[in-house]
């Protein structure tokens, strides 16, 4: 796991959290750690929403952990299309479940 303070990001990047209860949060973290963290990198954002991925990228990892970890209850894709094959960072940024608490300046 990488600490956010150890990664350089572009000006205008946002720090967000997902508005869910602590019970769901534990389930999502457990699923991400057990099934997603450590997989090889997937550079294909157009096809990063698989139930059993063999590769992940940042948005694919986050989307999969929330969607499949909560039994399809939380879809972070802001266009609300769970069957679309890809999710991009901006889809998660503008999700109804995410809240921006800081913008990097």
PDB file of N, CA and C in Angstrom:
ATOM      1  N   UNK A   1       0.857  -1.173   0.000  1.00  0.00           N
ATOM      2  CA  UNK A   1       0.000   0.000   0.000  1.00  0.00           C
ATOM      3  C   UNK A   1       0.904   1.238   0.000  1.00  0.00           C
ATOM      4  N   UNK A   2       0.537   2.214  -0.795  1.00  0.00           N
ATOM      5  CA  UNK A   2       1.312   3.443  -0.929  1.00  0.00           C
ATOM      6  C   UNK A   2       0.611   4.558  -0.164  1.00  0.00           C
ATOM      7  N   UNK A   3       1.379   5.288   0.636  1.00  0.00           N
ATOM      8  CA  UNK A   3       0.812   6.436   1.349  1.00  0.00           C
ATOM      9  C   UNK A   3       0.623   7.583   0.378  1.00  0.00           C
ATOM     10  N   UNK A   4      -0.469   8.281   0.510  1.00  0.00           N
ATOM     11  CA  UNK A   4      -0.781   9.366  -0.406  1.00  0.00           C
ATOM     12  C   UNK A   4       0.273  10.448  -0.366  1.00  0.00           C
ATOM     13  N   UNK A   5       0.933  10.668   0.756  1.00  0.00           N
ATOM     14  CA  UNK A   5       1.941  11.717   0.870  1.00  0.00           C
ATOM     15  C   UNK A   5       3.237  11.364   0.149  1.00  0.00           C
ATOM     16  N   UNK A   6       3.403  10.109  -0.259  1.00  0.00           N
ATOM     17  CA  UNK A   6       4.634   9.715  -0.939  1.00  0.00           C
ATOM     18  C   UNK A   6       4.505   9.730  -2.464  1.00  0.00           C
ATOM     19  N   UNK A   7       3.358  10.158  -2.970  1.00  0.00           N
ATOM     20  CA  UNK A   7       3.115  10.153  -4.409  1.00  0.00           C
ATOM     21  C   UNK A   7       2.932  11.587  -4.897  1.00  0.00           C
ATOM     22  N   UNK A   8       3.658  11.950  -5.951  1.00  0.00           N
ATOM     23  CA  UNK A   8       3.488  13.277  -6.549  1.00  0.00           C
ATOM     24  C   UNK A   8       2.265  13.251  -7.456  1.00  0.00           C
ATOM     25  N   UNK A   9       1.437  14.265  -7.329  1.00  0.00           N
ATOM     26  CA  UNK A   9       0.253  14.374  -8.179  1.00  0.00           C
ATOM     27  C   UNK A   9       0.218  15.760  -8.806  1.00  0.00           C
ATOM     28  N   UNK A  10      -0.545  15.890  -9.855  1.00  0.00           N
ATOM     29  CA  UNK A  10      -0.659  17.162 -10.566  1.00  0.00           C
ATOM     30  C   UNK A  10      -1.498  18.153  -9.769  1.00  0.00           C
ATOM     31  N   UNK A  11      -1.228  19.416  -9.994  1.00  0.00           N
ATOM     32  CA  UNK A  11      -2.041  20.477  -9.417  1.00  0.00           C
ATOM     33  C   UNK A  11      -3.490  20.279  -9.867  1.00  0.00           C
ATOM     34  N   UNK A  12      -4.412  20.399  -8.951  1.00  0.00           N
ATOM     35  CA  UNK A  12      -5.821  20.211  -9.273  1.00  0.00           C
ATOM     36  C   UNK A  12      -6.329  18.811  -8.968  1.00  0.00           C
ATOM     37  N   UNK A  13      -5.427  17.883  -8.635  1.00  0.00           N
ATOM     38  CA  UNK A  13      -5.864  16.541  -8.228  1.00  0.00           C
ATOM     39  C   UNK A  13      -6.691  16.670  -6.948  1.00  0.00           C
ATOM     40  N   UNK A  14      -7.586  15.742  -6.737  1.00  0.00           N
ATOM     41  CA  UNK A  14      -8.467  15.818  -5.576  1.00  0.00           C
ATOM     42  C   UNK A  14      -8.288  14.614  -4.661  1.00  0.00           C
ATOM     43  N   UNK A  15      -8.494  14.856  -3.376  1.00  0.00           N
ATOM     44  CA  UNK A  15      -8.553  13.791  -2.379  1.00  0.00           C
ATOM     45  C   UNK A  15     -10.026  13.585  -2.065  1.00  0.00           C
ATOM     46  N   UNK A  16     -10.451  12.341  -2.110  1.00  0.00           N
ATOM     47  CA  UNK A  16     -11.864  12.048  -1.920  1.00  0.00           C
ATOM     48  C   UNK A  16     -12.066  10.901  -0.954  1.00  0.00           C
ATOM     49  N   UNK A  17     -13.264  10.819  -0.432  1.00  0.00           N
ATOM     50  CA  UNK A  17     -13.670   9.620   0.286  1.00  0.00           C
ATOM     51  C   UNK A  17     -15.051   9.223  -0.236  1.00  0.00           C
ATOM     52  N   UNK A  18     -15.406   7.978   0.030  1.00  0.00           N
ATOM     53  CA  UNK A  18     -16.689   7.450  -0.429  1.00  0.00           C
ATOM     54  C   UNK A  18     -17.653   7.451   0.742  1.00  0.00           C
ATOM     55  N   UNK A  19     -18.831   7.957   0.518  1.00  0.00           N
ATOM     56  CA  UNK A  19     -19.844   8.087   1.568  1.00  0.00           C
ATOM     57  C   UNK A  19     -20.575   6.758   1.766  1.00  0.00           C
ATOM     58  N   UNK A  20     -20.017   5.932   2.634  1.00  0.00           N
ATOM     59  CA  UNK A  20     -20.654   4.665   2.993  1.00  0.00           C
ATOM     60  C   UNK A  20     -20.420   4.420   4.477  1.00  0.00           C
ATOM     61  N   UNK A  21     -21.192   3.514   5.043  1.00  0.00           N
ATOM     62  CA  UNK A  21     -21.046   3.180   6.449  1.00  0.00           C
ATOM     63  C   UNK A  21     -19.803   2.355   6.723  1.00  0.00           C
ATOM     64  N   UNK A  22     -19.389   2.292   7.990  1.00  0.00           N
ATOM     65  CA  UNK A  22     -18.176   1.550   8.349  1.00  0.00           C
ATOM     66  C   UNK A  22     -18.259   0.054   8.055  1.00  0.00           C
ATOM     67  N   UNK A  23     -19.432  -0.518   8.093  1.00  0.00           N
ATOM     68  CA  UNK A  23     -19.586  -1.939   7.765  1.00  0.00           C
ATOM     69  C   UNK A  23     -19.241  -2.223   6.319  1.00  0.00           C
ATOM     70  N   UNK A  24     -19.769  -1.391   5.425  1.00  0.00           N
ATOM     71  CA  UNK A  24     -19.452  -1.550   3.998  1.00  0.00           C
ATOM     72  C   UNK A  24     -17.970  -1.290   3.759  1.00  0.00           C
ATOM     73  N   UNK A  25     -17.422  -0.292   4.446  1.00  0.00           N
ATOM     74  CA  UNK A  25     -16.021   0.065   4.251  1.00  0.00           C
ATOM     75  C   UNK A  25     -15.112  -1.123   4.562  1.00  0.00           C
ATOM     76  N   UNK A  26     -15.394  -1.834   5.633  1.00  0.00           N
ATOM     77  CA  UNK A  26     -14.588  -3.010   5.993  1.00  0.00           C
ATOM     78  C   UNK A  26     -14.667  -4.086   4.918  1.00  0.00           C
ATOM     79  N   UNK A  27     -15.852  -4.300   4.378  1.00  0.00           N
ATOM     80  CA  UNK A  27     -16.036  -5.298   3.322  1.00  0.00           C
ATOM     81  C   UNK A  27     -15.237  -4.914   2.079  1.00  0.00           C
ATOM     82  N   UNK A  28     -15.303  -3.650   1.701  1.00  0.00           N
ATOM     83  CA  UNK A  28     -14.604  -3.167   0.504  1.00  0.00           C
ATOM     84  C   UNK A  28     -13.088  -3.304   0.676  1.00  0.00           C
ATOM     85  N   UNK A  29     -12.582  -2.901   1.810  1.00  0.00           N
ATOM     86  CA  UNK A  29     -11.137  -2.991   2.066  1.00  0.00           C
ATOM     87  C   UNK A  29     -10.695  -4.446   2.071  1.00  0.00           C
ATOM     88  N   UNK A  30     -11.462  -5.304   2.696  1.00  0.00           N
ATOM     89  CA  UNK A  30     -11.124  -6.723   2.740  1.00  0.00           C
ATOM     90  C   UNK A  30     -11.055  -7.311   1.326  1.00  0.00           C
ATOM     91  N   UNK A  31     -12.029  -6.974   0.493  1.00  0.00           N
ATOM     92  CA  UNK A  31     -12.048  -7.492  -0.873  1.00  0.00           C
ATOM     93  C   UNK A  31     -10.866  -6.958  -1.678  1.00  0.00           C
ATOM     94  N   UNK A  32     -10.582  -5.659  -1.551  1.00  0.00           N
ATOM     95  CA  UNK A  32      -9.471  -5.062  -2.297  1.00  0.00           C
ATOM     96  C   UNK A  32      -8.154  -5.715  -1.907  1.00  0.00           C
ATOM     97  N   UNK A  33      -7.917  -5.861  -0.628  1.00  0.00           N
ATOM     98  CA  UNK A  33      -6.654  -6.449  -0.166  1.00  0.00           C
ATOM     99  C   UNK A  33      -6.529  -7.918  -0.552  1.00  0.00           C
ATOM    100  N   UNK A  34      -7.611  -8.653  -0.448  1.00  0.00           N
ATOM    101  CA  UNK A  34      -7.558 -10.090  -0.714  1.00  0.00           C
ATOM    102  C   UNK A  34      -7.494 -10.419  -2.202  1.00  0.00           C
ATOM    103  N   UNK A  35      -8.217  -9.666  -3.026  1.00  0.00           N
ATOM    104  CA  UNK A  35      -8.388 -10.053  -4.427  1.00  0.00           C
ATOM    105  C   UNK A  35      -7.751  -9.132  -5.463  1.00  0.00           C
ATOM    106  N   UNK A  36      -7.420  -7.890  -5.100  1.00  0.00           N
ATOM    107  CA  UNK A  36      -7.021  -6.927  -6.122  1.00  0.00           C
ATOM    108  C   UNK A  36      -5.623  -6.342  -5.939  1.00  0.00           C
ATOM    109  N   UNK A  37      -5.271  -5.967  -4.724  1.00  0.00           N
ATOM    110  CA  UNK A  37      -3.961  -5.366  -4.478  1.00  0.00           C
ATOM    111  C   UNK A  37      -2.882  -6.386  -4.802  1.00  0.00           C
ATOM    112  N   UNK A  38      -1.911  -5.967  -5.585  1.00  0.00           N
ATOM    113  CA  UNK A  38      -0.815  -6.849  -5.959  1.00  0.00           C
ATOM    114  C   UNK A  38      -0.940  -7.464  -7.339  1.00  0.00           C
ATOM    115  N   UNK A  39      -2.096  -7.295  -7.984  1.00  0.00           N
ATOM    116  CA  UNK A  39      -2.239  -7.793  -9.349  1.00  0.00           C
ATOM    117  C   UNK A  39      -1.401  -6.934 -10.296  1.00  0.00           C
ATOM    118  N   UNK A  40      -0.994  -7.476 -11.439  1.00  0.00           N
ATOM    119  CA  UNK A  40      -0.258  -6.675 -12.422  1.00  0.00           C
ATOM    120  C   UNK A  40      -1.086  -5.478 -12.898  1.00  0.00           C
ATOM    121  N   UNK A  41      -0.395  -4.467 -13.436  1.00  0.00           N
ATOM    122  CA  UNK A  41      -1.054  -3.245 -13.894  1.00  0.00           C
ATOM    123  C   UNK A  41      -1.772  -3.468 -15.228  1.00  0.00           C
ATOM    124  N   UNK A  42      -2.976  -2.924 -15.325  1.00  0.00           N
ATOM    125  CA  UNK A  42      -3.773  -2.969 -16.550  1.00  0.00           C
ATOM    126  C   UNK A  42      -3.771  -1.571 -17.159  1.00  0.00           C
ATOM    127  N   UNK A  43      -3.106  -1.388 -18.276  1.00  0.00           N
ATOM    128  CA  UNK A  43      -3.065  -0.073 -18.916  1.00  0.00           C
ATOM    129  C   UNK A  43      -4.292   0.199 -19.780  1.00  0.00           C
ATOM    130  N   UNK A  44      -5.186  -0.761 -19.881  1.00  0.00           N
ATOM    131  CA  UNK A  44      -6.383  -0.629 -20.709  1.00  0.00           C
ATOM    132  C   UNK A  44      -7.567  -0.190 -19.846  1.00  0.00           C
ATOM    133  N   UNK A  45      -7.848   1.103 -19.835  1.00  0.00           N
ATOM    134  CA  UNK A  45      -8.964   1.627 -19.050  1.00  0.00           C
ATOM    135  C   UNK A  45     -10.317   1.318 -19.690  1.00  0.00           C
ATOM    136  N   UNK A  46     -10.335   0.950 -20.954  1.00  0.00           N
ATOM    137  CA  UNK A  46     -11.607   0.679 -21.622  1.00  0.00           C
ATOM    138  C   UNK A  46     -12.163  -0.693 -21.253  1.00  0.00           C
ATOM    139  N   UNK A  47     -11.374  -1.486 -20.539  1.00  0.00           N
ATOM    140  CA  UNK A  47     -11.817  -2.838 -20.182  1.00  0.00           C
ATOM    141  C   UNK A  47     -11.263  -3.208 -18.802  1.00  0.00           C
ATOM    142  N   UNK A  48     -11.633  -2.436 -17.774  1.00  0.00           N
ATOM    143  CA  UNK A  48     -11.077  -2.657 -16.443  1.00  0.00           C
ATOM    144  C   UNK A  48     -12.135  -2.970 -15.380  1.00  0.00           C
ATOM    145  N   UNK A  49     -13.324  -3.365 -15.801  1.00  0.00           N
ATOM    146  CA  UNK A  49     -14.397  -3.693 -14.861  1.00  0.00           C
ATOM    147  C   UNK A  49     -14.779  -5.169 -15.000  1.00  0.00           C
ATOM    148  N   UNK A  50     -13.894  -6.044 -14.541  1.00  0.00           N
ATOM    149  CA  UNK A  50     -14.199  -7.472 -14.585  1.00  0.00           C
ATOM    150  C   UNK A  50     -14.404  -7.983 -13.165  1.00  0.00           C
ATOM    151  N   UNK A  51     -15.273  -8.976 -13.032  1.00  0.00           N
ATOM    152  CA  UNK A  51     -15.532  -9.522 -11.699  1.00  0.00           C
ATOM    153  C   UNK A  51     -14.312 -10.239 -11.137  1.00  0.00           C
ATOM    154  N   UNK A  52     -13.562 -10.898 -11.991  1.00  0.00           N
ATOM    155  CA  UNK A  52     -12.357 -11.605 -11.550  1.00  0.00           C
ATOM    156  C   UNK A  52     -11.165 -11.137 -12.393  1.00  0.00           C
ATOM    157  N   UNK A  53     -10.697  -9.911 -12.167  1.00  0.00           N
ATOM    158  CA  UNK A  53      -9.621  -9.389 -13.008  1.00  0.00           C
ATOM    159  C   UNK A  53      -8.291 -10.101 -12.744  1.00  0.00           C
ATOM    160  N   UNK A  54      -7.477 -10.150 -13.764  1.00  0.00           N
ATOM    161  CA  UNK A  54      -6.120 -10.673 -13.611  1.00  0.00           C
ATOM    162  C   UNK A  54      -5.114  -9.528 -13.605  1.00  0.00           C
ATOM    163  N   UNK A  55      -5.566  -8.325 -14.010  1.00  0.00           N
ATOM    164  CA  UNK A  55      -4.769  -7.103 -13.980  1.00  0.00           C
ATOM    165  C   UNK A  55      -5.694  -5.964 -13.561  1.00  0.00           C
ATOM    166  N   UNK A  56      -5.161  -4.945 -12.889  1.00  0.00           N
ATOM    167  CA  UNK A  56      -5.975  -3.796 -12.469  1.00  0.00           C
ATOM    168  C   UNK A  56      -5.204  -2.495 -12.644  1.00  0.00           C
ATOM    169  N   UNK A  57      -5.949  -1.395 -12.717  1.00  0.00           N
ATOM    170  CA  UNK A  57      -5.372  -0.059 -12.617  1.00  0.00           C
ATOM    171  C   UNK A  57      -6.099   0.644 -11.478  1.00  0.00           C
ATOM    172  N   UNK A  58      -5.751   1.870 -11.207  1.00  0.00           N
ATOM    173  CA  UNK A  58      -6.307   2.547 -10.035  1.00  0.00           C
ATOM    174  C   UNK A  58      -7.835   2.583 -10.031  1.00  0.00           C
ATOM    175  N   UNK A  59      -8.425   3.055 -11.106  1.00  0.00           N
ATOM    176  CA  UNK A  59      -9.887   3.165 -11.118  1.00  0.00           C
ATOM    177  C   UNK A  59     -10.559   1.795 -11.182  1.00  0.00           C
ATOM    178  N   UNK A  60      -9.957   0.857 -11.881  1.00  0.00           N
ATOM    179  CA  UNK A  60     -10.513  -0.496 -11.923  1.00  0.00           C
ATOM    180  C   UNK A  60     -10.489  -1.162 -10.567  1.00  0.00           C
ATOM    181  N   UNK A  61      -9.392  -0.980  -9.823  1.00  0.00           N
ATOM    182  CA  UNK A  61      -9.293  -1.560  -8.481  1.00  0.00           C
ATOM    183  C   UNK A  61     -10.374  -0.980  -7.573  1.00  0.00           C
ATOM    184  N   UNK A  62     -10.491   0.342  -7.564  1.00  0.00           N
ATOM    185  CA  UNK A  62     -11.468   0.995  -6.692  1.00  0.00           C
ATOM    186  C   UNK A  62     -12.887   0.607  -7.086  1.00  0.00           C
ATOM    187  N   UNK A  63     -13.205   0.663  -8.374  1.00  0.00           N
ATOM    188  CA  UNK A  63     -14.563   0.325  -8.821  1.00  0.00           C
ATOM    189  C   UNK A  63     -14.903  -1.122  -8.470  1.00  0.00           C
ATOM    190  N   UNK A  64     -14.005  -2.048  -8.789  1.00  0.00           N
ATOM    191  CA  UNK A  64     -14.259  -3.460  -8.506  1.00  0.00           C
ATOM    192  C   UNK A  64     -14.445  -3.722  -7.022  1.00  0.00           C
ATOM    193  N   UNK A  65     -13.613  -3.122  -6.186  1.00  0.00           N
ATOM    194  CA  UNK A  65     -13.723  -3.339  -4.740  1.00  0.00           C
ATOM    195  C   UNK A  65     -15.078  -2.890  -4.216  1.00  0.00           C
ATOM    196  N   UNK A  66     -15.549  -1.735  -4.666  1.00  0.00           N
ATOM    197  CA  UNK A  66     -16.843  -1.238  -4.194  1.00  0.00           C
ATOM    198  C   UNK A  66     -18.005  -1.993  -4.830  1.00  0.00           C
ATOM    199  N   UNK A  67     -17.954  -2.229  -6.110  1.00  0.00           N
ATOM    200  CA  UNK A  67     -19.088  -2.861  -6.795  1.00  0.00           C
ATOM    201  C   UNK A  67     -19.253  -4.324  -6.399  1.00  0.00           C
ATOM    202  N   UNK A  68     -18.200  -5.089  -6.540  1.00  0.00           N
ATOM    203  CA  UNK A  68     -18.307  -6.516  -6.224  1.00  0.00           C
ATOM    204  C   UNK A  68     -18.190  -6.777  -4.733  1.00  0.00           C
ATOM    205  N   UNK A  69     -17.433  -5.947  -4.024  1.00  0.00           N
ATOM    206  CA  UNK A  69     -17.309  -6.106  -2.581  1.00  0.00           C
ATOM    207  C   UNK A  69     -18.609  -5.867  -1.839  1.00  0.00           C
ATOM    208  N   UNK A  70     -19.475  -5.031  -2.404  1.00  0.00           N
ATOM    209  CA  UNK A  70     -20.764  -4.745  -1.751  1.00  0.00           C
ATOM    210  C   UNK A  70     -21.922  -5.490  -2.414  1.00  0.00           C
ATOM    211  N   UNK A  71     -21.602  -6.492  -3.192  1.00  0.00           N
ATOM    212  CA  UNK A  71     -22.677  -7.249  -3.848  1.00  0.00           C
ATOM    213  C   UNK A  71     -23.478  -6.427  -4.827  1.00  0.00           C
ATOM    214  N   UNK A  72     -22.805  -5.569  -5.589  1.00  0.00           N
ATOM    215  CA  UNK A  72     -23.397  -4.724  -6.638  1.00  0.00           C
ATOM    216  C   UNK A  72     -24.223  -3.573  -6.063  1.00  0.00           C
ATOM    217  N   UNK A  73     -24.021  -3.235  -4.794  1.00  0.00           N
ATOM    218  CA  UNK A  73     -24.793  -2.157  -4.165  1.00  0.00           C
ATOM    219  C   UNK A  73     -24.231  -0.771  -4.467  1.00  0.00           C
ATOM    220  N   UNK A  74     -22.905  -0.670  -4.624  1.00  0.00           N
ATOM    221  CA  UNK A  74     -22.278   0.639  -4.817  1.00  0.00           C
ATOM    222  C   UNK A  74     -21.528   0.657  -6.142  1.00  0.00           C
ATOM    223  N   UNK A  75     -22.077   1.410  -7.084  1.00  0.00           N
ATOM    224  CA  UNK A  75     -21.481   1.561  -8.406  1.00  0.00           C
ATOM    225  C   UNK A  75     -20.869   2.954  -8.491  1.00  0.00           C
ATOM    226  N   UNK A  76     -19.544   3.036  -8.396  1.00  0.00           N
ATOM    227  CA  UNK A  76     -18.867   4.334  -8.411  1.00  0.00           C
ATOM    228  C   UNK A  76     -18.739   4.946  -9.795  1.00  0.00           C
ATOM    229  N   UNK A  77     -19.195   4.270 -10.825  1.00  0.00           N
ATOM    230  CA  UNK A  77     -19.138   4.817 -12.183  1.00  0.00           C
ATOM    231  C   UNK A  77     -20.209   5.893 -12.292  1.00  0.00           C
ATOM    232  N   UNK A  78     -19.788   7.136 -12.471  1.00  0.00           N
ATOM    233  CA  UNK A  78     -20.735   8.261 -12.455  1.00  0.00           C
ATOM    234  C   UNK A  78     -21.768   8.208 -13.564  1.00  0.00           C
ATOM    235  N   UNK A  79     -21.506   7.446 -14.627  1.00  0.00           N
ATOM    236  CA  UNK A  79     -22.533   7.326 -15.669  1.00  0.00           C
ATOM    237  C   UNK A  79     -23.522   6.205 -15.345  1.00  0.00           C
ATOM    238  N   UNK A  80     -23.326   5.540 -14.205  1.00  0.00           N
ATOM    239  CA  UNK A  80     -24.258   4.541 -13.663  1.00  0.00           C
ATOM    240  C   UNK A  80     -24.457   3.321 -14.552  1.00  0.00           C
ATOM    241  N   UNK A  81     -23.537   3.070 -15.452  1.00  0.00           N
ATOM    242  CA  UNK A  81     -23.674   1.909 -16.326  1.00  0.00           C
ATOM    243  C   UNK A  81     -22.754   0.820 -15.798  1.00  0.00           C
ATOM    244  N   UNK A  82     -23.305  -0.107 -15.031  1.00  0.00           N
ATOM    245  CA  UNK A  82     -22.470  -1.140 -14.411  1.00  0.00           C
ATOM    246  C   UNK A  82     -21.947  -2.132 -15.441  1.00  0.00           C
ATOM    247  N   UNK A  83     -22.653  -2.294 -16.551  1.00  0.00           N
ATOM    248  CA  UNK A  83     -22.238  -3.283 -17.546  1.00  0.00           C
ATOM    249  C   UNK A  83     -21.251  -2.717 -18.572  1.00  0.00           C
ATOM    250  N   UNK A  84     -20.995  -1.403 -18.550  1.00  0.00           N
ATOM    251  CA  UNK A  84     -19.986  -0.826 -19.440  1.00  0.00           C
ATOM    252  C   UNK A  84     -18.631  -1.416 -19.061  1.00  0.00           C
ATOM    253  N   UNK A  85     -17.790  -1.736 -20.032  1.00  0.00           N
ATOM    254  CA  UNK A  85     -16.553  -2.462 -19.726  1.00  0.00           C
ATOM    255  C   UNK A  85     -15.458  -1.651 -19.048  1.00  0.00           C
ATOM    256  N   UNK A  86     -15.541  -0.308 -19.061  1.00  0.00           N
ATOM    257  CA  UNK A  86     -14.453   0.485 -18.510  1.00  0.00           C
ATOM    258  C   UNK A  86     -14.905   1.580 -17.575  1.00  0.00           C
ATOM    259  N   UNK A  87     -14.026   1.910 -16.639  1.00  0.00           N
ATOM    260  CA  UNK A  87     -14.257   3.028 -15.725  1.00  0.00           C
ATOM    261  C   UNK A  87     -12.960   3.836 -15.672  1.00  0.00           C
ATOM    262  N   UNK A  88     -13.096   5.145 -15.728  1.00  0.00           N
ATOM    263  CA  UNK A  88     -11.960   6.053 -15.733  1.00  0.00           C
ATOM    264  C   UNK A  88     -11.924   6.828 -14.419  1.00  0.00           C
ATOM    265  N   UNK A  89     -10.768   7.420 -14.079  1.00  0.00           N
ATOM    266  CA  UNK A  89     -10.707   8.194 -12.834  1.00  0.00           C
ATOM    267  C   UNK A  89     -11.794   9.265 -12.729  1.00  0.00           C
ATOM    268  N   UNK A  90     -12.094   9.962 -13.828  1.00  0.00           N
ATOM    269  CA  UNK A  90     -13.118  11.004 -13.754  1.00  0.00           C
ATOM    270  C   UNK A  90     -14.510  10.430 -13.504  1.00  0.00           C
ATOM    271  N   UNK A  91     -14.755   9.173 -13.897  1.00  0.00           N
ATOM    272  CA  UNK A  91     -16.043   8.550 -13.588  1.00  0.00           C
ATOM    273  C   UNK A  91     -16.217   8.427 -12.077  1.00  0.00           C
ATOM    274  N   UNK A  92     -15.148   8.041 -11.405  1.00  0.00           N
ATOM    275  CA  UNK A  92     -15.202   7.909  -9.947  1.00  0.00           C
ATOM    276  C   UNK A  92     -15.213   9.288  -9.293  1.00  0.00           C
ATOM    277  N   UNK A  93     -14.440  10.218  -9.830  1.00  0.00           N
ATOM    278  CA  UNK A  93     -14.396  11.574  -9.272  1.00  0.00           C
ATOM    279  C   UNK A  93     -15.784  12.193  -9.209  1.00  0.00           C
ATOM    280  N   UNK A  94     -16.609  11.967 -10.215  1.00  0.00           N
ATOM    281  CA  UNK A  94     -17.928  12.589 -10.275  1.00  0.00           C
ATOM    282  C   UNK A  94     -19.063  11.666  -9.821  1.00  0.00           C
ATOM    283  N   UNK A  95     -18.737  10.578  -9.160  1.00  0.00           N
ATOM    284  CA  UNK A  95     -19.751   9.655  -8.657  1.00  0.00           C
ATOM    285  C   UNK A  95     -20.583  10.314  -7.555  1.00  0.00           C
ATOM    286  N   UNK A  96     -21.824   9.909  -7.455  1.00  0.00           N
ATOM    287  CA  UNK A  96     -22.689  10.431  -6.386  1.00  0.00           C
ATOM    288  C   UNK A  96     -22.239   9.942  -5.014  1.00  0.00           C
ATOM    289  N   UNK A  97     -21.392   8.936  -4.968  1.00  0.00           N
ATOM    290  CA  UNK A  97     -20.921   8.385  -3.704  1.00  0.00           C
ATOM    291  C   UNK A  97     -19.633   9.036  -3.199  1.00  0.00           C
ATOM    292  N   UNK A  98     -18.904   9.746  -4.079  1.00  0.00           N
ATOM    293  CA  UNK A  98     -17.628  10.330  -3.669  1.00  0.00           C
ATOM    294  C   UNK A  98     -17.790  11.766  -3.215  1.00  0.00           C
ATOM    295  N   UNK A  99     -16.938  12.146  -2.272  1.00  0.00           N
ATOM    296  CA  UNK A  99     -16.947  13.506  -1.739  1.00  0.00           C
ATOM    297  C   UNK A  99     -15.504  14.017  -1.739  1.00  0.00           C
ATOM    298  N   UNK A 100     -15.293  15.163  -2.377  1.00  0.00           N
ATOM    299  CA  UNK A 100     -13.966  15.782  -2.408  1.00  0.00           C
ATOM    300  C   UNK A 100     -13.767  16.557  -1.131  1.00  0.00           C
ATOM    301  N   UNK A 101     -12.683  16.259  -0.414  1.00  0.00           N
ATOM    302  CA  UNK A 101     -12.401  16.991   0.809  1.00  0.00           C
ATOM    303  C   UNK A 101     -11.158  17.876   0.694  1.00  0.00           C
ATOM    304  N   UNK A 102     -10.414  17.729  -0.394  1.00  0.00           N
ATOM    305  CA  UNK A 102      -9.250  18.607  -0.591  1.00  0.00           C
ATOM    306  C   UNK A 102      -8.839  18.576  -2.051  1.00  0.00           C
ATOM    307  N   UNK A 103      -8.450  19.743  -2.561  1.00  0.00           N
ATOM    308  CA  UNK A 103      -7.888  19.855  -3.903  1.00  0.00           C
ATOM    309  C   UNK A 103      -6.424  20.237  -3.748  1.00  0.00           C
ATOM    310  N   UNK A 104      -5.558  19.515  -4.448  1.00  0.00           N
ATOM    311  CA  UNK A 104      -4.126  19.777  -4.389  1.00  0.00           C
ATOM    312  C   UNK A 104      -3.814  21.066  -5.143  1.00  0.00           C
ATOM    313  N   UNK A 105      -3.096  21.954  -4.509  1.00  0.00           N
ATOM    314  CA  UNK A 105      -2.751  23.244  -5.139  1.00  0.00           C
ATOM    315  C   UNK A 105      -1.260  23.356  -5.386  1.00  0.00           C
TER     316      UNK A 105
END
